[in-house]
């Protein structure tokens, strides 16, 4: 019966508890328990995971919020909204570069023979 309640809550998007151990987090998210250590390096501490008394716990709520932020960021980047929000720091007098790496290109100088005059 308790598993049925948990399954029903999960189907509704509700979690009966927020902070869980790796085993429960793996079951709830579908992320293999062996991969959690590696993925934890990318997740913010005390939001998605936390170490307490030598044990690692994961927050379902924190993970959902982090995942939502990542999805929104990828969406904005895909739509080009991220570039529109950034502001150039170049002054109006300077000509911005067109290189995708934002490095200025060197201009070729014309070779002109030097004329030496002896007085």
N, C-alpha and C. Protein backbone atom coordinates (compact mmCIF):
# COMPACT_ATOMS: atom_id res chain seq x y z
N UNK A 1 0.81 -1.21 0.00
CA UNK A 1 0.00 0.00 0.00
C UNK A 1 0.85 1.27 0.00
N UNK A 2 1.93 1.36 0.82
CA UNK A 2 2.73 2.59 0.79
C UNK A 2 3.34 2.87 -0.59
N UNK A 3 3.77 1.83 -1.31
CA UNK A 3 4.33 2.04 -2.64
C UNK A 3 3.29 2.58 -3.60
N UNK A 4 2.04 2.14 -3.46
CA UNK A 4 0.96 2.64 -4.32
C UNK A 4 0.72 4.12 -4.08
N UNK A 5 0.81 4.53 -2.83
CA UNK A 5 0.61 5.95 -2.48
C UNK A 5 1.73 6.78 -3.09
N UNK A 6 2.96 6.29 -2.94
CA UNK A 6 4.10 7.02 -3.49
C UNK A 6 3.98 7.12 -5.00
N UNK A 7 3.62 6.02 -5.64
CA UNK A 7 3.46 6.03 -7.10
C UNK A 7 2.37 7.00 -7.54
N UNK A 8 1.26 7.04 -6.80
CA UNK A 8 0.17 7.96 -7.13
C UNK A 8 0.62 9.41 -6.97
N UNK A 9 1.36 9.69 -5.90
CA UNK A 9 1.87 11.05 -5.70
C UNK A 9 2.84 11.45 -6.81
N UNK A 10 3.70 10.53 -7.19
CA UNK A 10 4.67 10.81 -8.25
C UNK A 10 3.98 11.06 -9.59
N UNK A 11 2.93 10.32 -9.87
CA UNK A 11 2.18 10.54 -11.11
C UNK A 11 1.57 11.94 -11.14
N UNK A 12 1.23 12.45 -9.97
CA UNK A 12 0.67 13.80 -9.88
C UNK A 12 1.75 14.87 -9.84
N UNK A 13 3.01 14.43 -9.82
CA UNK A 13 4.10 15.39 -9.74
C UNK A 13 4.41 15.82 -8.33
N UNK A 14 3.90 15.12 -7.36
CA UNK A 14 4.13 15.45 -5.96
C UNK A 14 5.12 14.47 -5.35
N UNK A 15 5.94 14.96 -4.45
CA UNK A 15 6.85 14.07 -3.74
C UNK A 15 6.53 14.14 -2.25
N UNK A 16 6.44 12.99 -1.61
CA UNK A 16 6.10 12.98 -0.19
C UNK A 16 7.23 13.50 0.69
N UNK A 17 8.44 13.48 0.19
CA UNK A 17 9.59 13.97 0.95
C UNK A 17 10.55 14.61 -0.04
N UNK A 18 11.30 15.60 0.40
CA UNK A 18 12.20 16.29 -0.53
C UNK A 18 13.58 15.66 -0.56
N UNK A 19 14.28 15.61 0.53
CA UNK A 19 15.65 15.12 0.56
C UNK A 19 15.67 13.62 0.72
N UNK A 20 16.30 12.94 -0.25
CA UNK A 20 16.35 11.48 -0.24
C UNK A 20 17.78 11.01 -0.49
N UNK A 21 18.03 9.74 -0.20
CA UNK A 21 19.36 9.19 -0.46
C UNK A 21 19.50 8.85 -1.95
N UNK A 22 20.69 8.44 -2.34
CA UNK A 22 20.99 8.18 -3.75
C UNK A 22 20.09 7.12 -4.35
N UNK A 23 19.78 6.09 -3.58
CA UNK A 23 18.95 4.99 -4.08
C UNK A 23 17.55 5.49 -4.44
N UNK A 24 16.94 6.25 -3.55
CA UNK A 24 15.59 6.77 -3.80
C UNK A 24 15.61 7.82 -4.91
N UNK A 25 16.63 8.66 -4.92
CA UNK A 25 16.75 9.68 -5.96
C UNK A 25 16.86 9.03 -7.33
N UNK A 26 17.63 7.98 -7.39
CA UNK A 26 17.80 7.24 -8.65
C UNK A 26 16.46 6.68 -9.12
N UNK A 27 15.70 6.12 -8.22
CA UNK A 27 14.39 5.56 -8.58
C UNK A 27 13.42 6.66 -9.04
N UNK A 28 13.47 7.80 -8.36
CA UNK A 28 12.53 8.88 -8.68
C UNK A 28 12.86 9.60 -9.98
N UNK A 29 14.16 9.71 -10.30
CA UNK A 29 14.55 10.47 -11.48
C UNK A 29 14.88 9.60 -12.68
N UNK A 30 15.17 8.33 -12.42
CA UNK A 30 15.56 7.45 -13.51
C UNK A 30 17.04 7.53 -13.85
N UNK A 31 17.80 8.30 -13.08
CA UNK A 31 19.24 8.41 -13.28
C UNK A 31 19.90 7.26 -12.52
N UNK A 32 20.73 6.51 -13.22
CA UNK A 32 21.40 5.37 -12.58
C UNK A 32 22.20 5.84 -11.37
N UNK A 33 22.11 5.08 -10.30
CA UNK A 33 22.79 5.44 -9.05
C UNK A 33 24.30 5.60 -9.26
N UNK A 34 24.88 4.80 -10.15
CA UNK A 34 26.32 4.87 -10.42
C UNK A 34 26.71 6.19 -11.06
N UNK A 35 25.78 6.85 -11.73
CA UNK A 35 26.07 8.11 -12.43
C UNK A 35 25.91 9.33 -11.53
N UNK A 36 25.32 9.16 -10.37
CA UNK A 36 25.03 10.31 -9.51
C UNK A 36 26.29 11.03 -9.04
N UNK A 37 27.34 10.28 -8.71
CA UNK A 37 28.58 10.91 -8.25
C UNK A 37 29.14 11.85 -9.31
N UNK A 38 29.16 11.40 -10.54
CA UNK A 38 29.68 12.22 -11.64
C UNK A 38 28.78 13.43 -11.90
N UNK A 39 27.49 13.21 -11.91
CA UNK A 39 26.55 14.31 -12.20
C UNK A 39 26.51 15.32 -11.07
N UNK A 40 26.75 14.86 -9.87
CA UNK A 40 26.70 15.75 -8.70
C UNK A 40 27.71 16.89 -8.83
N UNK A 41 28.80 16.66 -9.56
CA UNK A 41 29.82 17.70 -9.74
C UNK A 41 29.27 18.89 -10.52
N UNK A 42 28.24 18.66 -11.33
CA UNK A 42 27.65 19.74 -12.13
C UNK A 42 26.49 20.43 -11.41
N UNK A 43 25.98 19.79 -10.37
CA UNK A 43 24.81 20.32 -9.68
C UNK A 43 25.22 21.20 -8.50
N UNK A 44 24.47 22.26 -8.23
CA UNK A 44 24.81 23.15 -7.11
C UNK A 44 24.58 22.48 -5.75
N UNK A 45 25.62 22.59 -4.92
CA UNK A 45 25.53 22.01 -3.57
C UNK A 45 24.52 22.79 -2.74
N UNK A 46 23.86 22.11 -1.84
CA UNK A 46 22.84 22.64 -0.94
C UNK A 46 21.57 23.08 -1.67
N UNK A 47 21.50 22.84 -2.96
CA UNK A 47 20.27 23.06 -3.71
C UNK A 47 19.80 21.74 -4.28
N UNK A 48 20.68 21.05 -5.01
CA UNK A 48 20.33 19.75 -5.58
C UNK A 48 20.84 18.62 -4.69
N UNK A 49 21.99 18.81 -4.08
CA UNK A 49 22.55 17.77 -3.22
C UNK A 49 23.20 18.40 -1.99
N UNK A 50 23.35 17.61 -0.96
CA UNK A 50 23.97 18.10 0.26
C UNK A 50 24.61 16.93 1.00
N UNK A 51 25.70 17.23 1.67
CA UNK A 51 26.38 16.21 2.47
C UNK A 51 26.06 16.48 3.93
N UNK A 52 25.50 15.49 4.59
CA UNK A 52 25.08 15.65 5.98
C UNK A 52 25.55 14.43 6.77
N UNK A 53 26.37 14.65 7.78
CA UNK A 53 26.87 13.56 8.62
C UNK A 53 27.52 12.46 7.80
N UNK A 54 28.26 12.84 6.77
CA UNK A 54 28.96 11.87 5.94
C UNK A 54 28.10 11.20 4.88
N UNK A 55 26.84 11.52 4.83
CA UNK A 55 25.93 10.94 3.83
C UNK A 55 25.55 12.00 2.80
N UNK A 56 25.32 11.54 1.59
CA UNK A 56 24.90 12.44 0.51
C UNK A 56 23.39 12.31 0.33
N UNK A 57 22.70 13.44 0.31
CA UNK A 57 21.26 13.47 0.09
C UNK A 57 20.97 14.35 -1.12
N UNK A 58 19.91 14.03 -1.81
CA UNK A 58 19.51 14.77 -3.01
C UNK A 58 18.12 15.36 -2.79
N UNK A 59 17.92 16.57 -3.29
CA UNK A 59 16.63 17.25 -3.18
C UNK A 59 15.86 17.09 -4.48
N UNK A 60 14.69 16.51 -4.39
CA UNK A 60 13.84 16.36 -5.57
C UNK A 60 13.40 17.75 -6.05
N UNK A 61 13.00 18.58 -5.10
CA UNK A 61 12.55 19.93 -5.44
C UNK A 61 13.69 20.73 -6.05
N UNK A 62 14.88 20.68 -5.44
CA UNK A 62 16.04 21.41 -5.95
C UNK A 62 16.44 20.93 -7.34
N UNK A 63 16.38 19.61 -7.55
CA UNK A 63 16.72 19.06 -8.86
C UNK A 63 15.72 19.53 -9.92
N UNK A 64 14.44 19.50 -9.59
CA UNK A 64 13.41 19.96 -10.54
C UNK A 64 13.60 21.43 -10.89
N UNK A 65 13.91 22.26 -9.89
CA UNK A 65 14.13 23.68 -10.15
C UNK A 65 15.37 23.90 -11.01
N UNK A 66 16.46 23.18 -10.69
CA UNK A 66 17.68 23.31 -11.46
C UNK A 66 17.46 22.86 -12.90
N UNK A 67 16.77 21.74 -13.08
CA UNK A 67 16.51 21.21 -14.41
C UNK A 67 15.65 22.18 -15.23
N UNK A 68 14.67 22.80 -14.58
CA UNK A 68 13.82 23.79 -15.25
C UNK A 68 14.64 24.99 -15.69
N UNK A 69 15.55 25.48 -14.83
CA UNK A 69 16.42 26.60 -15.19
C UNK A 69 17.30 26.25 -16.39
N UNK A 70 17.84 25.03 -16.40
CA UNK A 70 18.69 24.60 -17.51
C UNK A 70 17.90 24.55 -18.81
N UNK A 71 16.68 24.05 -18.75
CA UNK A 71 15.84 23.97 -19.94
C UNK A 71 15.50 25.37 -20.46
N UNK A 72 15.20 26.29 -19.56
CA UNK A 72 14.88 27.66 -19.96
C UNK A 72 16.10 28.33 -20.59
N UNK A 73 17.27 28.08 -20.01
CA UNK A 73 18.50 28.65 -20.55
C UNK A 73 18.79 28.12 -21.96
N UNK A 74 18.61 26.82 -22.15
CA UNK A 74 18.84 26.23 -23.48
C UNK A 74 17.82 26.76 -24.48
N UNK A 75 16.59 26.96 -24.04
CA UNK A 75 15.54 27.49 -24.92
C UNK A 75 15.89 28.91 -25.36
N UNK A 76 16.30 29.75 -24.40
CA UNK A 76 16.65 31.13 -24.72
C UNK A 76 17.84 31.18 -25.67
N UNK A 77 18.81 30.31 -25.43
CA UNK A 77 19.99 30.28 -26.29
C UNK A 77 19.61 29.83 -27.70
N UNK A 78 18.74 28.85 -27.80
CA UNK A 78 18.30 28.35 -29.10
C UNK A 78 17.51 29.40 -29.87
N UNK A 79 16.77 30.22 -29.16
CA UNK A 79 15.97 31.26 -29.80
C UNK A 79 16.77 32.53 -30.07
N UNK A 80 17.98 32.59 -29.57
CA UNK A 80 18.80 33.78 -29.74
C UNK A 80 18.48 34.87 -28.76
N UNK A 81 17.70 34.55 -27.74
CA UNK A 81 17.33 35.57 -26.76
C UNK A 81 18.49 35.93 -25.86
N UNK A 82 19.39 34.99 -25.62
CA UNK A 82 20.53 35.23 -24.75
C UNK A 82 21.44 36.30 -25.33
N UNK A 83 21.67 36.26 -26.64
CA UNK A 83 22.53 37.23 -27.31
C UNK A 83 21.90 38.62 -27.28
N UNK A 84 20.58 38.67 -27.39
CA UNK A 84 19.90 39.97 -27.39
C UNK A 84 19.98 40.62 -26.01
N UNK A 85 20.05 39.82 -24.96
CA UNK A 85 20.08 40.37 -23.61
C UNK A 85 21.47 40.88 -23.23
N UNK A 86 22.52 40.34 -23.86
CA UNK A 86 23.86 40.79 -23.53
C UNK A 86 24.12 42.14 -24.18
N UNK A 87 24.90 42.94 -23.53
CA UNK A 87 25.15 44.30 -24.00
C UNK A 87 26.62 44.44 -24.35
N UNK A 88 26.91 45.08 -25.44
CA UNK A 88 28.28 45.28 -25.88
C UNK A 88 28.98 46.28 -24.98
N UNK A 89 30.25 46.02 -24.70
CA UNK A 89 31.03 46.95 -23.89
C UNK A 89 31.94 47.81 -24.76
N UNK A 90 31.87 47.63 -26.07
CA UNK A 90 32.68 48.44 -26.97
C UNK A 90 32.10 49.84 -27.09
N UNK A 91 32.99 50.81 -27.19
CA UNK A 91 32.49 52.17 -27.37
C UNK A 91 32.01 52.32 -28.81
N UNK A 92 31.24 53.33 -29.07
CA UNK A 92 30.68 53.56 -30.40
C UNK A 92 31.77 53.83 -31.44
N UNK A 93 32.91 54.40 -31.02
CA UNK A 93 33.97 54.75 -31.95
C UNK A 93 34.69 53.52 -32.48
N UNK A 94 34.75 52.48 -31.66
CA UNK A 94 35.45 51.27 -32.08
C UNK A 94 34.55 50.43 -32.97
N UNK A 95 35.17 49.85 -33.96
CA UNK A 95 34.43 49.00 -34.87
C UNK A 95 34.44 47.57 -34.30
N UNK A 96 33.26 46.99 -34.03
CA UNK A 96 33.25 45.64 -33.48
C UNK A 96 33.76 44.63 -34.48
N UNK A 97 34.33 43.57 -33.98
CA UNK A 97 34.86 42.54 -34.87
C UNK A 97 33.71 41.67 -35.37
N UNK A 98 33.94 41.03 -36.48
CA UNK A 98 32.92 40.13 -37.02
C UNK A 98 33.32 38.69 -36.83
N UNK A 99 34.48 38.45 -36.23
CA UNK A 99 34.94 37.09 -36.01
C UNK A 99 34.08 36.42 -34.95
N UNK A 100 33.81 35.15 -35.14
CA UNK A 100 33.00 34.46 -34.14
C UNK A 100 33.76 34.25 -32.84
N UNK A 101 35.07 34.44 -32.87
CA UNK A 101 35.88 34.30 -31.65
C UNK A 101 36.15 35.66 -31.01
N UNK A 102 35.60 36.69 -31.55
CA UNK A 102 35.70 38.05 -31.01
C UNK A 102 37.16 38.51 -30.89
N UNK A 103 37.99 38.17 -31.85
CA UNK A 103 39.35 38.67 -31.88
C UNK A 103 39.49 39.57 -33.10
N UNK A 104 40.22 40.62 -32.92
CA UNK A 104 40.39 41.55 -34.04
C UNK A 104 41.33 40.93 -35.07
N UNK A 105 41.02 41.17 -36.32
CA UNK A 105 41.85 40.65 -37.39
C UNK A 105 42.93 41.66 -37.73
N UNK A 106 44.08 41.12 -38.10
CA UNK A 106 45.17 42.00 -38.51
C UNK A 106 44.93 42.44 -39.95
N UNK A 107 45.23 43.69 -40.22
CA UNK A 107 45.08 44.21 -41.57
C UNK A 107 46.41 44.06 -42.31
N UNK A 108 46.32 43.72 -43.55
CA UNK A 108 47.53 43.60 -44.35
C UNK A 108 48.00 45.00 -44.74
N UNK A 109 49.27 45.20 -44.59
CA UNK A 109 49.86 46.48 -44.98
C UNK A 109 50.41 46.35 -46.40
N UNK A 110 50.22 47.40 -47.18
CA UNK A 110 50.76 47.40 -48.53
C UNK A 110 52.26 47.62 -48.47
N UNK A 111 52.99 46.87 -49.26
CA UNK A 111 54.43 47.04 -49.30
C UNK A 111 54.76 48.18 -50.26
N UNK A 112 55.49 49.11 -49.76
CA UNK A 112 55.91 50.24 -50.59
C UNK A 112 57.43 50.35 -50.48
N UNK A 113 58.09 50.47 -51.59
CA UNK A 113 59.56 50.60 -51.52
C UNK A 113 59.93 51.89 -50.82
N UNK A 114 60.95 51.81 -50.00
CA UNK A 114 61.45 52.99 -49.30
C UNK A 114 62.45 53.72 -50.20
N UNK A 115 62.38 55.03 -50.21
CA UNK A 115 63.33 55.85 -50.97
C UNK A 115 64.28 56.49 -49.98
N UNK A 116 65.54 56.19 -50.13
CA UNK A 116 66.54 56.79 -49.27
C UNK A 116 67.19 57.95 -49.98
N UNK A 117 67.29 59.04 -49.32
CA UNK A 117 67.94 60.22 -49.89
C UNK A 117 69.21 60.50 -49.12
N UNK A 118 70.28 60.78 -49.86
CA UNK A 118 71.54 61.10 -49.21
C UNK A 118 71.81 62.59 -49.41
N UNK A 119 72.07 63.28 -48.33
CA UNK A 119 72.33 64.72 -48.40
C UNK A 119 73.79 65.02 -48.32
